[in-house]
Amino acid sequence: MGYTIVALKDKILEMYPEIERHRLSVNLVFDTAKDAYVVAVHRDGHELTTHLERADADDCMSGIRCVSLGIQIEQFVKNFELREQAGRKR
């Protein structure tokens, strides 16, 4: 399956709208040695770096959510939600 990194990033942002809702930045690069995409999500000095296997990226482009990526993104977002809620309570 042929697609660009930009198209993959757009698809990830489409599948996980919480990324933009929480103002997280996403960077993708392809690591040829690992034959996988390196996905870096960051905000306010905190960063999540994970790998997205080529087969998972292909599934993502076909509209199938990548469970492992989704779980990691959701946990990263949850950490920010908890921090924001704690800040509001002060």
C-alpha atoms as a PDB file:
ATOM      1  CA  MET A   1       0.000   0.000   0.000  1.00  0.00           C
ATOM      2  CA  GLY A   2       1.452   3.381  -0.962  1.00  0.00           C
ATOM      3  CA  TYR A   3       0.877   6.541   1.059  1.00  0.00           C
ATOM      4  CA  THR A   4       2.864   9.422   2.445  1.00  0.00           C
ATOM      5  CA  ILE A   5       3.797  10.182   6.026  1.00  0.00           C
ATOM      6  CA  VAL A   6       1.565  13.253   5.790  1.00  0.00           C
ATOM      7  CA  ALA A   7      -1.403  11.094   4.745  1.00  0.00           C
ATOM      8  CA  LEU A   8      -0.722   8.674   7.618  1.00  0.00           C
ATOM      9  CA  LYS A   9      -0.493  11.536  10.110  1.00  0.00           C
ATOM     10  CA  ASP A  10      -3.763  12.992   8.792  1.00  0.00           C
ATOM     11  CA  LYS A  11      -5.438   9.597   9.167  1.00  0.00           C
ATOM     12  CA  ILE A  12      -4.155   9.216  12.751  1.00  0.00           C
ATOM     13  CA  LEU A  13      -5.485  12.691  13.587  1.00  0.00           C
ATOM     14  CA  GLU A  14      -8.819  11.765  12.014  1.00  0.00           C
ATOM     15  CA  MET A  15      -9.062   8.492  13.966  1.00  0.00           C
ATOM     16  CA  TYR A  16      -7.953  10.021  17.261  1.00  0.00           C
ATOM     17  CA  PRO A  17      -9.582  13.501  17.466  1.00  0.00           C
ATOM     18  CA  GLU A  18      -8.562  13.756  21.115  1.00  0.00           C
ATOM     19  CA  ILE A  19      -5.042  14.546  19.863  1.00  0.00           C
ATOM     20  CA  GLU A  20      -6.116  17.896  18.469  1.00  0.00           C
ATOM     21  CA  ARG A  21      -8.707  18.482  21.196  1.00  0.00           C
ATOM     22  CA  HIS A  22      -5.903  18.386  23.777  1.00  0.00           C
ATOM     23  CA  ARG A  23      -3.505  20.366  21.567  1.00  0.00           C
ATOM     24  CA  LEU A  24      -0.978  17.542  21.275  1.00  0.00           C
ATOM     25  CA  SER A  25       1.632  17.634  18.525  1.00  0.00           C
ATOM     26  CA  VAL A  26       2.350  14.544  16.441  1.00  0.00           C
ATOM     27  CA  ASN A  27       5.481  13.810  14.447  1.00  0.00           C
ATOM     28  CA  LEU A  28       6.061  10.740  12.304  1.00  0.00           C
ATOM     29  CA  VAL A  29       9.185   9.396  10.683  1.00  0.00           C
ATOM     30  CA  PHE A  30       9.830   6.076   9.008  1.00  0.00           C
ATOM     31  CA  ASP A  31      12.644   4.011  10.532  1.00  0.00           C
ATOM     32  CA  THR A  32      13.960   1.791   7.746  1.00  0.00           C
ATOM     33  CA  ALA A  33      16.034  -0.328  10.141  1.00  0.00           C
ATOM     34  CA  LYS A  34      12.904  -1.234  12.123  1.00  0.00           C
ATOM     35  CA  ASP A  35      10.602  -1.172   9.084  1.00  0.00           C
ATOM     36  CA  ALA A  36       8.172   0.823  11.224  1.00  0.00           C
ATOM     37  CA  TYR A  37       6.967   4.356  11.755  1.00  0.00           C
ATOM     38  CA  VAL A  38       8.122   6.195  14.842  1.00  0.00           C
ATOM     39  CA  VAL A  39       5.238   8.205  16.252  1.00  0.00           C
ATOM     40  CA  ALA A  40       6.070  10.987  18.701  1.00  0.00           C
ATOM     41  CA  VAL A  41       3.245  12.747  20.538  1.00  0.00           C
ATOM     42  CA  HIS A  42       4.202  15.690  22.706  1.00  0.00           C
ATOM     43  CA  ARG A  43       2.956  18.653  24.663  1.00  0.00           C
ATOM     44  CA  ASP A  44       4.430  20.927  27.316  1.00  0.00           C
ATOM     45  CA  GLY A  45       7.743  19.083  27.516  1.00  0.00           C
ATOM     46  CA  HIS A  46       6.154  15.632  27.826  1.00  0.00           C
ATOM     47  CA  GLU A  47       6.563  13.114  25.035  1.00  0.00           C
ATOM     48  CA  LEU A  48       5.265   9.698  24.069  1.00  0.00           C
ATOM     49  CA  THR A  49       7.306   7.847  21.483  1.00  0.00           C
ATOM     50  CA  THR A  50       6.058   4.588  20.060  1.00  0.00           C
ATOM     51  CA  HIS A  51       6.416   2.455  16.969  1.00  0.00           C
ATOM     52  CA  LEU A  52       3.696   1.766  14.452  1.00  0.00           C
ATOM     53  CA  GLU A  53       4.451  -1.364  12.455  1.00  0.00           C
ATOM     54  CA  ARG A  54       3.997  -1.118   8.701  1.00  0.00           C
ATOM     55  CA  ALA A  55       1.067  -3.588   8.779  1.00  0.00           C
ATOM     56  CA  ASP A  56      -0.653  -1.495  11.483  1.00  0.00           C
ATOM     57  CA  ALA A  57      -0.052   1.674   9.450  1.00  0.00           C
ATOM     58  CA  ASP A  58      -1.572  -0.046   6.403  1.00  0.00           C
ATOM     59  CA  ASP A  59      -4.610  -1.005   8.504  1.00  0.00           C
ATOM     60  CA  CYS A  60      -4.878   2.554   9.784  1.00  0.00           C
ATOM     61  CA  MET A  61      -4.912   3.879   6.222  1.00  0.00           C
ATOM     62  CA  SER A  62      -7.686   1.378   5.466  1.00  0.00           C
ATOM     63  CA  GLY A  63      -9.761   2.757   8.338  1.00  0.00           C
ATOM     64  CA  ILE A  64      -8.922   0.106  10.921  1.00  0.00           C
ATOM     65  CA  ARG A  65      -7.873   1.517  14.289  1.00  0.00           C
ATOM     66  CA  CYS A  66      -4.512   0.381  15.577  1.00  0.00           C
ATOM     67  CA  VAL A  67      -5.305  -0.864  19.067  1.00  0.00           C
ATOM     68  CA  SER A  68      -1.800  -0.536  20.520  1.00  0.00           C
ATOM     69  CA  LEU A  69      -1.348   3.016  19.220  1.00  0.00           C
ATOM     70  CA  GLY A  70      -4.830   3.961  20.406  1.00  0.00           C
ATOM     71  CA  ILE A  71      -4.203   2.663  23.918  1.00  0.00           C
ATOM     72  CA  GLN A  72      -0.956   4.610  24.208  1.00  0.00           C
ATOM     73  CA  ILE A  73      -2.477   7.810  22.855  1.00  0.00           C
ATOM     74  CA  GLU A  74      -5.472   7.467  25.160  1.00  0.00           C
ATOM     75  CA  GLN A  75      -3.216   7.034  28.203  1.00  0.00           C
ATOM     76  CA  PHE A  76      -1.131  10.060  27.202  1.00  0.00           C
ATOM     77  CA  VAL A  77      -4.318  12.126  26.752  1.00  0.00           C
ATOM     78  CA  LYS A  78      -5.724  10.862  30.048  1.00  0.00           C
ATOM     79  CA  ASN A  79      -2.599  12.093  31.851  1.00  0.00           C
ATOM     80  CA  PHE A  80      -3.209  15.592  30.458  1.00  0.00           C
ATOM     81  CA  GLU A  81      -6.913  15.465  31.330  1.00  0.00           C
ATOM     82  CA  LEU A  82      -6.094  14.546  34.927  1.00  0.00           C
ATOM     83  CA  ARG A  83      -3.497  17.318  35.143  1.00  0.00           C
ATOM     84  CA  GLU A  84      -5.973  19.863  33.725  1.00  0.00           C
ATOM     85  CA  GLN A  85      -8.710  18.759  36.142  1.00  0.00           C
ATOM     86  CA  ALA A  86      -6.324  19.034  39.077  1.00  0.00           C
ATOM     87  CA  GLY A  87      -5.393  22.544  37.961  1.00  0.00           C
ATOM     88  CA  ARG A  88      -9.049  23.608  37.826  1.00  0.00           C
ATOM     89  CA  LYS A  89      -9.704  22.372  41.359  1.00  0.00           C
ATOM     90  CA  ARG A  90      -7.039  24.606  42.858  1.00  0.00           C
END
